[in-house]
Amino acid sequence: MTATIRAGLCSVSLRMLDAEHVAELAARAGLHTIEWGGDVHVPPGDLERAAKVARLTAATGLRSCSYGSYFRAGGDEPFTPALDTASVLGVDRVRVWAGWVSSAAATGPEWTTVVSRLRDAVDEAGERGIRLALEFHANTLSDTAEATLRLLSHVDRAALSSYWQPPVGASGRRAIEGYRALAGRVSALHVFSWWPAQERLALDARSGLWQPLLAEAASSARPPEDALLEFLPGDDPSLLAREAATLRRYLGRPRT
């Protein structure tokens, strides 16, 4: 059976615009969900702003699917403000980061700190019915599929999943192989086309990666919930409609 993966947007893709314009453009582009970012659009602890963004998201017919926090699982780093914000937004998933150091360079104590803090954060979030998901990113303990699986195993909490995005410079084949290793633990995808390094291309420029990967993800036993556009060529908001149409085509989600 093929699952329906929701087509959405990371609000940080349009960080130069206010939240009202982000929601308006996303709805106009035929997207279904938004991950609101905590760096610009919904700062952690600003509950008045979170309530306003929740209302405007619903008014445009979109769903707030997650809160993109910048919690790094540091030893003394507070997490409650991010959870308060996520609760007001009405999301049940918060994206978090696994430290500041690559998995290869991290020391034993650094691994221990991040694992312990993530356990506490997952447990705190669970009291509100909120799940956590790791940012899959360079210079963190979740920078490769193998390291992410190791971290998930050490934290040992079912309510902790991972995001996935193609590693910079990885070929389509290698990226898909990495996704397969994590597939059962991936709750959302960050979708963009960078090639050969950080050059931002149209999504169609890497159709050989995204078309088969999204088809495979949708037919897997535990598919991701969301495929979220992140980064636009030239950071150009006028390209969102085109990129959203490509994503919806790959997902088999015609405009409704």
C-alpha atoms as a PDB file:
ATOM      1  CA  MET A   1       0.000   0.000   0.000  1.00  0.00           C
ATOM      2  CA  THR A   2       1.293   3.471  -0.877  1.00  0.00           C
ATOM      3  CA  ALA A   3       1.030   6.068   1.872  1.00  0.00           C
ATOM      4  CA  THR A   4       0.206   9.724   1.382  1.00  0.00           C
ATOM      5  CA  ILE A   5       3.185  11.895   2.275  1.00  0.00           C
ATOM      6  CA  ARG A   6       2.165  15.503   2.836  1.00  0.00           C
ATOM      7  CA  ALA A   7       3.782  18.179   0.675  1.00  0.00           C
ATOM      8  CA  GLY A   8       4.964  21.088   2.774  1.00  0.00           C
ATOM      9  CA  LEU A   9       7.393  23.926   3.364  1.00  0.00           C
ATOM     10  CA  CYS A  10      10.030  24.865   5.917  1.00  0.00           C
ATOM     11  CA  SER A  11       9.284  28.480   6.750  1.00  0.00           C
ATOM     12  CA  VAL A  12      13.018  29.210   6.970  1.00  0.00           C
ATOM     13  CA  SER A  13      13.113  28.830   3.183  1.00  0.00           C
ATOM     14  CA  LEU A  14      11.431  32.240   3.134  1.00  0.00           C
ATOM     15  CA  ARG A  15      13.003  33.760   6.220  1.00  0.00           C
ATOM     16  CA  MET A  16      13.123  37.148   4.498  1.00  0.00           C
ATOM     17  CA  LEU A  17       9.296  37.280   4.544  1.00  0.00           C
ATOM     18  CA  ASP A  18       6.949  37.586   7.485  1.00  0.00           C
ATOM     19  CA  ALA A  19       4.843  34.614   8.537  1.00  0.00           C
ATOM     20  CA  GLU A  20       1.691  35.995   6.938  1.00  0.00           C
ATOM     21  CA  HIS A  21       3.329  36.069   3.514  1.00  0.00           C
ATOM     22  CA  VAL A  22       4.904  32.650   4.013  1.00  0.00           C
ATOM     23  CA  ALA A  23       1.535  31.061   4.757  1.00  0.00           C
ATOM     24  CA  GLU A  24      -0.126  32.878   1.882  1.00  0.00           C
ATOM     25  CA  LEU A  25       2.501  31.760  -0.655  1.00  0.00           C
ATOM     26  CA  ALA A  26       2.491  28.175   0.616  1.00  0.00           C
ATOM     27  CA  ALA A  27      -1.288  27.930   0.347  1.00  0.00           C
ATOM     28  CA  ARG A  28      -1.267  29.506  -3.093  1.00  0.00           C
ATOM     29  CA  ALA A  29       1.356  26.953  -4.191  1.00  0.00           C
ATOM     30  CA  GLY A  30      -0.917  24.062  -3.232  1.00  0.00           C
ATOM     31  CA  LEU A  31       1.137  22.870  -0.271  1.00  0.00           C
ATOM     32  CA  HIS A  32      -0.448  21.222   2.760  1.00  0.00           C
ATOM     33  CA  THR A  33       1.850  21.736   5.741  1.00  0.00           C
ATOM     34  CA  ILE A  34       4.392  24.162   7.196  1.00  0.00           C
ATOM     35  CA  GLU A  35       7.254  23.584   9.592  1.00  0.00           C
ATOM     36  CA  TRP A  36       7.566  26.908  11.384  1.00  0.00           C
ATOM     37  CA  GLY A  37      11.135  27.859  12.217  1.00  0.00           C
ATOM     38  CA  GLY A  38      12.189  29.103  15.615  1.00  0.00           C
ATOM     39  CA  ASP A  39      14.927  31.410  14.373  1.00  0.00           C
ATOM     40  CA  VAL A  40      12.740  34.035  12.692  1.00  0.00           C
ATOM     41  CA  HIS A  41       9.032  33.338  12.375  1.00  0.00           C
ATOM     42  CA  VAL A  42       8.144  31.860  15.777  1.00  0.00           C
ATOM     43  CA  PRO A  43      10.873  32.482  18.358  1.00  0.00           C
ATOM     44  CA  PRO A  44      10.850  30.096  21.333  1.00  0.00           C
ATOM     45  CA  GLY A  45       8.912  31.502  24.253  1.00  0.00           C
ATOM     46  CA  ASP A  46       6.995  34.105  22.217  1.00  0.00           C
ATOM     47  CA  LEU A  47       3.594  32.543  22.850  1.00  0.00           C
ATOM     48  CA  GLU A  48       1.622  35.514  21.573  1.00  0.00           C
ATOM     49  CA  ARG A  49       3.403  35.218  18.247  1.00  0.00           C
ATOM     50  CA  ALA A  50       2.908  31.443  18.197  1.00  0.00           C
ATOM     51  CA  ALA A  51      -0.843  31.850  18.740  1.00  0.00           C
ATOM     52  CA  LYS A  52      -1.056  34.403  15.931  1.00  0.00           C
ATOM     53  CA  VAL A  53       0.862  32.135  13.537  1.00  0.00           C
ATOM     54  CA  ALA A  54      -1.341  29.176  14.482  1.00  0.00           C
ATOM     55  CA  ARG A  55      -4.449  31.206  13.611  1.00  0.00           C
ATOM     56  CA  LEU A  56      -3.131  32.500  10.305  1.00  0.00           C
ATOM     57  CA  THR A  57      -1.945  29.010   9.292  1.00  0.00           C
ATOM     58  CA  ALA A  58      -5.399  27.561   9.887  1.00  0.00           C
ATOM     59  CA  ALA A  59      -7.025  30.504   8.111  1.00  0.00           C
ATOM     60  CA  THR A  60      -5.080  29.706   4.930  1.00  0.00           C
ATOM     61  CA  GLY A  61      -6.133  26.040   5.052  1.00  0.00           C
ATOM     62  CA  LEU A  62      -2.650  24.815   5.953  1.00  0.00           C
ATOM     63  CA  ARG A  63      -1.520  22.657   8.852  1.00  0.00           C
ATOM     64  CA  SER A  64       1.393  23.422  11.152  1.00  0.00           C
ATOM     65  CA  CYS A  65       3.119  20.040  11.086  1.00  0.00           C
ATOM     66  CA  SER A  66       6.197  20.717  13.203  1.00  0.00           C
ATOM     67  CA  TYR A  67       8.247  23.307  15.020  1.00  0.00           C
ATOM     68  CA  GLY A  68      11.808  23.728  13.789  1.00  0.00           C
ATOM     69  CA  SER A  69      13.673  24.448  16.993  1.00  0.00           C
ATOM     70  CA  TYR A  70      17.376  25.125  17.408  1.00  0.00           C
ATOM     71  CA  PHE A  71      17.677  23.196  20.649  1.00  0.00           C
ATOM     72  CA  ARG A  72      21.110  21.538  20.524  1.00  0.00           C
ATOM     73  CA  ALA A  73      20.815  19.181  23.510  1.00  0.00           C
ATOM     74  CA  GLY A  74      23.430  21.034  25.519  1.00  0.00           C
ATOM     75  CA  GLY A  75      23.810  20.172  29.166  1.00  0.00           C
ATOM     76  CA  ASP A  76      22.299  23.373  30.606  1.00  0.00           C
ATOM     77  CA  GLU A  77      20.253  24.386  27.582  1.00  0.00           C
ATOM     78  CA  PRO A  78      16.574  25.052  28.358  1.00  0.00           C
ATOM     79  CA  PHE A  79      14.007  23.210  26.254  1.00  0.00           C
ATOM     80  CA  THR A  80      10.742  24.216  27.922  1.00  0.00           C
ATOM     81  CA  PRO A  81      10.335  27.491  25.918  1.00  0.00           C
ATOM     82  CA  ALA A  82      10.448  25.516  22.657  1.00  0.00           C
ATOM     83  CA  LEU A  83       7.861  23.076  23.979  1.00  0.00           C
ATOM     84  CA  ASP A  84       5.618  25.904  25.181  1.00  0.00           C
ATOM     85  CA  THR A  85       5.787  27.401  21.700  1.00  0.00           C
ATOM     86  CA  ALA A  86       5.115  24.086  19.976  1.00  0.00           C
ATOM     87  CA  SER A  87       2.090  23.513  22.190  1.00  0.00           C
ATOM     88  CA  VAL A  88       0.583  26.886  21.270  1.00  0.00           C
ATOM     89  CA  LEU A  89       1.321  26.262  17.576  1.00  0.00           C
ATOM     90  CA  GLY A  90      -0.604  23.001  17.930  1.00  0.00           C
ATOM     91  CA  VAL A  91       2.119  20.743  16.511  1.00  0.00           C
ATOM     92  CA  ASP A  92       2.974  17.267  17.716  1.00  0.00           C
ATOM     93  CA  ARG A  93       6.571  17.183  16.450  1.00  0.00           C
ATOM     94  CA  VAL A  94       9.589  19.340  17.288  1.00  0.00           C
ATOM     95  CA  ARG A  95      12.825  19.189  15.320  1.00  0.00           C
ATOM     96  CA  VAL A  96      15.955  19.268  17.494  1.00  0.00           C
ATOM     97  CA  TRP A  97      19.707  19.134  16.921  1.00  0.00           C
ATOM     98  CA  ALA A  98      22.231  16.620  18.246  1.00  0.00           C
ATOM     99  CA  GLY A  99      24.968  18.860  19.558  1.00  0.00           C
ATOM    100  CA  TRP A 100      27.545  20.965  17.704  1.00  0.00           C
ATOM    101  CA  VAL A 101      30.241  18.410  16.844  1.00  0.00           C
ATOM    102  CA  SER A 102      30.442  15.777  14.111  1.00  0.00           C
ATOM    103  CA  SER A 103      29.895  12.169  15.104  1.00  0.00           C
ATOM    104  CA  ALA A 104      33.477  11.305  14.114  1.00  0.00           C
ATOM    105  CA  ALA A 105      35.050  14.107  16.150  1.00  0.00           C
ATOM    106  CA  ALA A 106      32.832  13.962  19.240  1.00  0.00           C
ATOM    107  CA  THR A 107      34.379  12.708  22.462  1.00  0.00           C
ATOM    108  CA  GLY A 108      32.784  10.155  24.754  1.00  0.00           C
ATOM    109  CA  PRO A 109      31.627  12.827  27.224  1.00  0.00           C
ATOM    110  CA  GLU A 110      30.086  14.841  24.362  1.00  0.00           C
ATOM    111  CA  TRP A 111      28.097  11.807  23.254  1.00  0.00           C
ATOM    112  CA  THR A 112      27.021  11.178  26.847  1.00  0.00           C
ATOM    113  CA  THR A 113      25.796  14.750  27.322  1.00  0.00           C
ATOM    114  CA  VAL A 114      23.757  14.794  24.127  1.00  0.00           C
ATOM    115  CA  VAL A 115      22.235  11.366  24.760  1.00  0.00           C
ATOM    116  CA  SER A 116      21.266  12.272  28.325  1.00  0.00           C
ATOM    117  CA  ARG A 117      19.813  15.645  27.341  1.00  0.00           C
ATOM    118  CA  LEU A 118      17.852  14.143  24.467  1.00  0.00           C
ATOM    119  CA  ARG A 119      16.352  11.541  26.802  1.00  0.00           C
ATOM    120  CA  ASP A 120      15.230  14.283  29.163  1.00  0.00           C
ATOM    121  CA  ALA A 121      13.843  16.345  26.282  1.00  0.00           C
ATOM    122  CA  VAL A 122      11.905  13.415  24.803  1.00  0.00           C
ATOM    123  CA  ASP A 123      10.417  12.630  28.204  1.00  0.00           C
ATOM    124  CA  GLU A 124       9.472  16.260  28.820  1.00  0.00           C
ATOM    125  CA  ALA A 125       7.883  16.535  25.378  1.00  0.00           C
ATOM    126  CA  GLY A 126       6.016  13.270  25.848  1.00  0.00           C
ATOM    127  CA  GLU A 127       4.131  14.746  28.800  1.00  0.00           C
ATOM    128  CA  ARG A 128       2.496  17.085  26.261  1.00  0.00           C
ATOM    129  CA  GLY A 129       1.949  14.483  23.552  1.00  0.00           C
ATOM    130  CA  ILE A 130       4.794  15.898  21.464  1.00  0.00           C
ATOM    131  CA  ARG A 131       7.428  13.819  19.664  1.00  0.00           C
ATOM    132  CA  LEU A 132      10.959  14.891  18.794  1.00  0.00           C
ATOM    133  CA  ALA A 133      12.927  14.394  15.582  1.00  0.00           C
ATOM    134  CA  LEU A 134      16.635  14.882  14.962  1.00  0.00           C
ATOM    135  CA  GLU A 135      17.944  17.271  12.346  1.00  0.00           C
ATOM    136  CA  PHE A 136      20.016  15.134   9.956  1.00  0.00           C
ATOM    137  CA  HIS A 137      22.917  17.492   9.450  1.00  0.00           C
ATOM    138  CA  ALA A 138      26.674  17.855   9.212  1.00  0.00           C
ATOM    139  CA  ASN A 139      28.607  18.724  12.374  1.00  0.00           C
ATOM    140  CA  THR A 140      26.141  17.007  14.684  1.00  0.00           C
ATOM    141  CA  LEU A 141      25.917  13.500  16.131  1.00  0.00           C
ATOM    142  CA  SER A 142      23.255  12.766  13.500  1.00  0.00           C
ATOM    143  CA  ASP A 143      25.395  13.565  10.462  1.00  0.00           C
ATOM    144  CA  THR A 144      25.338  10.107   8.842  1.00  0.00           C
ATOM    145  CA  ALA A 145      22.843   7.276   8.746  1.00  0.00           C
ATOM    146  CA  GLU A 146      25.125   5.091  10.855  1.00  0.00           C
ATOM    147  CA  ALA A 147      25.696   7.773  13.500  1.00  0.00           C
ATOM    148  CA  THR A 148      22.004   8.616  13.624  1.00  0.00           C
ATOM    149  CA  LEU A 149      21.063   4.993  14.190  1.00  0.00           C
ATOM    150  CA  ARG A 150      23.684   4.787  16.931  1.00  0.00           C
ATOM    151  CA  LEU A 151      22.300   7.910  18.596  1.00  0.00           C
ATOM    152  CA  LEU A 152      18.695   6.702  18.367  1.00  0.00           C
ATOM    153  CA  SER A 153      19.742   3.403  19.892  1.00  0.00           C
ATOM    154  CA  HIS A 154      21.542   5.094  22.791  1.00  0.00           C
ATOM    155  CA  VAL A 155      18.676   7.475  23.531  1.00  0.00           C
ATOM    156  CA  ASP A 156      16.304   4.517  23.329  1.00  0.00           C
ATOM    157  CA  ARG A 157      13.025   6.411  23.107  1.00  0.00           C
ATOM    158  CA  ALA A 158      10.318   5.435  20.601  1.00  0.00           C
ATOM    159  CA  ALA A 159       9.144   9.058  20.447  1.00  0.00           C
ATOM    160  CA  LEU A 160      12.474  10.167  18.954  1.00  0.00           C
ATOM    161  CA  SER A 161      12.794   9.909  15.174  1.00  0.00           C
ATOM    162  CA  SER A 162      14.976  11.591  12.580  1.00  0.00           C
ATOM    163  CA  TYR A 163      14.610  13.872   9.616  1.00  0.00           C
ATOM    164  CA  TRP A 164      16.552  13.120   6.445  1.00  0.00           C
ATOM    165  CA  GLN A 165      18.066  15.211   3.689  1.00  0.00           C
ATOM    166  CA  PRO A 166      20.637  14.406   1.009  1.00  0.00           C
ATOM    167  CA  PRO A 167      24.172  14.924   2.344  1.00  0.00           C
ATOM    168  CA  VAL A 168      26.071  17.661   0.538  1.00  0.00           C
ATOM    169  CA  GLY A 169      28.002  16.224  -2.385  1.00  0.00           C
ATOM    170  CA  ALA A 170      26.442  12.765  -2.196  1.00  0.00           C
ATOM    171  CA  SER A 171      25.452  11.147  -5.488  1.00  0.00           C
ATOM    172  CA  GLY A 172      21.825  10.176  -5.942  1.00  0.00           C
ATOM    173  CA  ARG A 173      22.670   6.506  -5.477  1.00  0.00           C
ATOM    174  CA  ARG A 174      24.644   7.085  -2.293  1.00  0.00           C
ATOM    175  CA  ALA A 175      21.976   9.381  -0.886  1.00  0.00           C
ATOM    176  CA  ILE A 176      19.239   6.819  -1.491  1.00  0.00           C
ATOM    177  CA  GLU A 177      21.327   4.093   0.124  1.00  0.00           C
ATOM    178  CA  GLY A 178      21.748   6.297   3.191  1.00  0.00           C
ATOM    179  CA  TYR A 179      18.025   6.954   3.341  1.00  0.00           C
ATOM    180  CA  ARG A 180      17.279   3.240   3.177  1.00  0.00           C
ATOM    181  CA  ALA A 181      19.448   2.621   6.223  1.00  0.00           C
ATOM    182  CA  LEU A 182      17.337   5.084   8.221  1.00  0.00           C
ATOM    183  CA  ALA A 183      13.977   4.669   6.518  1.00  0.00           C
ATOM    184  CA  GLY A 184      12.076   3.111   9.401  1.00  0.00           C
ATOM    185  CA  ARG A 185      13.037   5.985  11.720  1.00  0.00           C
ATOM    186  CA  VAL A 186      12.452   8.970   9.408  1.00  0.00           C
ATOM    187  CA  SER A 187       9.435  11.161  10.189  1.00  0.00           C
ATOM    188  CA  ALA A 188      10.062  13.951   7.664  1.00  0.00           C
ATOM    189  CA  LEU A 189      12.205  14.852   4.672  1.00  0.00           C
ATOM    190  CA  HIS A 190      13.885  18.162   3.909  1.00  0.00           C
ATOM    191  CA  VAL A 191      13.623  18.399   0.140  1.00  0.00           C
ATOM    192  CA  PHE A 192      16.037  20.452  -1.962  1.00  0.00           C
ATOM    193  CA  SER A 193      18.440  20.112  -4.872  1.00  0.00           C
ATOM    194  CA  TRP A 194      22.039  21.098  -4.150  1.00  0.00           C
ATOM    195  CA  TRP A 195      24.656  20.012  -6.681  1.00  0.00           C
ATOM    196  CA  PRO A 196      27.544  19.404  -6.922  1.00  0.00           C
ATOM    197  CA  ALA A 197      28.058  21.088  -3.560  1.00  0.00           C
ATOM    198  CA  GLN A 198      25.849  23.863  -2.168  1.00  0.00           C
ATOM    199  CA  GLU A 199      24.686  25.288  -5.488  1.00  0.00           C
ATOM    200  CA  ARG A 200      20.913  25.680  -5.208  1.00  0.00           C
ATOM    201  CA  LEU A 201      19.182  24.196  -8.231  1.00  0.00           C
ATOM    202  CA  ALA A 202      15.589  23.567  -9.219  1.00  0.00           C
ATOM    203  CA  LEU A 203      14.132  20.422  -7.700  1.00  0.00           C
ATOM    204  CA  ASP A 204      13.836  18.864 -11.160  1.00  0.00           C
ATOM    205  CA  ALA A 205      17.623  19.107 -11.526  1.00  0.00           C
ATOM    206  CA  ARG A 206      17.873  16.094  -9.194  1.00  0.00           C
ATOM    207  CA  SER A 207      14.824  14.191 -10.371  1.00  0.00           C
ATOM    208  CA  GLY A 208      16.999  11.061 -10.450  1.00  0.00           C
ATOM    209  CA  LEU A 209      17.264  11.334  -6.665  1.00  0.00           C
ATOM    210  CA  TRP A 210      13.889  12.611  -5.561  1.00  0.00           C
ATOM    211  CA  GLN A 211      11.487  10.748  -7.832  1.00  0.00           C
ATOM    212  CA  PRO A 212      12.671   7.243  -6.886  1.00  0.00           C
ATOM    213  CA  LEU A 213      13.326   8.163  -3.259  1.00  0.00           C
ATOM    214  CA  LEU A 214       9.862   9.610  -2.691  1.00  0.00           C
ATOM    215  CA  ALA A 215       8.218   6.684  -4.467  1.00  0.00           C
ATOM    216  CA  GLU A 216      10.169   4.251  -2.303  1.00  0.00           C
ATOM    217  CA  ALA A 217       9.427   6.229   0.862  1.00  0.00           C
ATOM    218  CA  ALA A 218       5.703   6.292   0.154  1.00  0.00           C
ATOM    219  CA  SER A 219       5.570   2.530  -0.291  1.00  0.00           C
ATOM    220  CA  SER A 220       7.697   1.681   2.757  1.00  0.00           C
ATOM    221  CA  ALA A 221       6.363   0.101   5.936  1.00  0.00           C
ATOM    222  CA  ARG A 222       6.856   3.327   7.925  1.00  0.00           C
ATOM    223  CA  PRO A 223       6.805   6.252   5.503  1.00  0.00           C
ATOM    224  CA  PRO A 224       7.707   9.821   6.456  1.00  0.00           C
ATOM    225  CA  GLU A 225       4.800  12.059   7.339  1.00  0.00           C
ATOM    226  CA  ASP A 226       6.003  15.146   5.479  1.00  0.00           C
ATOM    227  CA  ALA A 227       8.208  16.136   2.557  1.00  0.00           C
ATOM    228  CA  LEU A 228       9.148  19.748   3.253  1.00  0.00           C
ATOM    229  CA  LEU A 229      10.674  22.064   0.685  1.00  0.00           C
ATOM    230  CA  GLU A 230      13.797  23.692   2.085  1.00  0.00           C
ATOM    231  CA  PHE A 231      15.861  26.277   0.204  1.00  0.00           C
ATOM    232  CA  LEU A 232      14.855  27.825  -3.109  1.00  0.00           C
ATOM    233  CA  PRO A 233      17.174  28.681  -5.998  1.00  0.00           C
ATOM    234  CA  GLY A 234      18.467  32.167  -5.314  1.00  0.00           C
ATOM    235  CA  ASP A 235      16.187  32.323  -2.235  1.00  0.00           C
ATOM    236  CA  ASP A 236      13.568  33.571  -4.685  1.00  0.00           C
ATOM    237  CA  PRO A 237       9.998  33.407  -3.301  1.00  0.00           C
ATOM    238  CA  SER A 238       8.562  33.626  -6.816  1.00  0.00           C
ATOM    239  CA  LEU A 239       9.932  30.119  -7.485  1.00  0.00           C
ATOM    240  CA  LEU A 240       7.956  28.474  -4.685  1.00  0.00           C
ATOM    241  CA  ALA A 241       4.941  27.682  -6.885  1.00  0.00           C
ATOM    242  CA  ARG A 242       7.143  25.935  -9.451  1.00  0.00           C
ATOM    243  CA  GLU A 243       9.081  23.955  -6.848  1.00  0.00           C
ATOM    244  CA  ALA A 244       5.869  23.012  -5.025  1.00  0.00           C
ATOM    245  CA  ALA A 245       4.339  21.774  -8.268  1.00  0.00           C
ATOM    246  CA  THR A 246       7.387  19.572  -8.845  1.00  0.00           C
ATOM    247  CA  LEU A 247       7.211  18.162  -5.322  1.00  0.00           C
ATOM    248  CA  ARG A 248       3.492  17.444  -5.611  1.00  0.00           C
ATOM    249  CA  ARG A 249       4.107  15.695  -8.930  1.00  0.00           C
ATOM    250  CA  TYR A 250       6.791  13.493  -7.393  1.00  0.00           C
ATOM    251  CA  LEU A 251       4.418  12.647  -4.539  1.00  0.00           C
ATOM    252  CA  GLY A 252       1.476  12.000  -6.835  1.00  0.00           C
ATOM    253  CA  ARG A 253      -0.373  14.827  -5.114  1.00  0.00           C
ATOM    254  CA  PRO A 254      -2.179  16.883  -7.771  1.00  0.00           C
ATOM    255  CA  ARG A 255      -3.368  20.293  -6.725  1.00  0.00           C
ATOM    256  CA  THR A 256      -6.643  20.196  -4.780  1.00  0.00           C
END
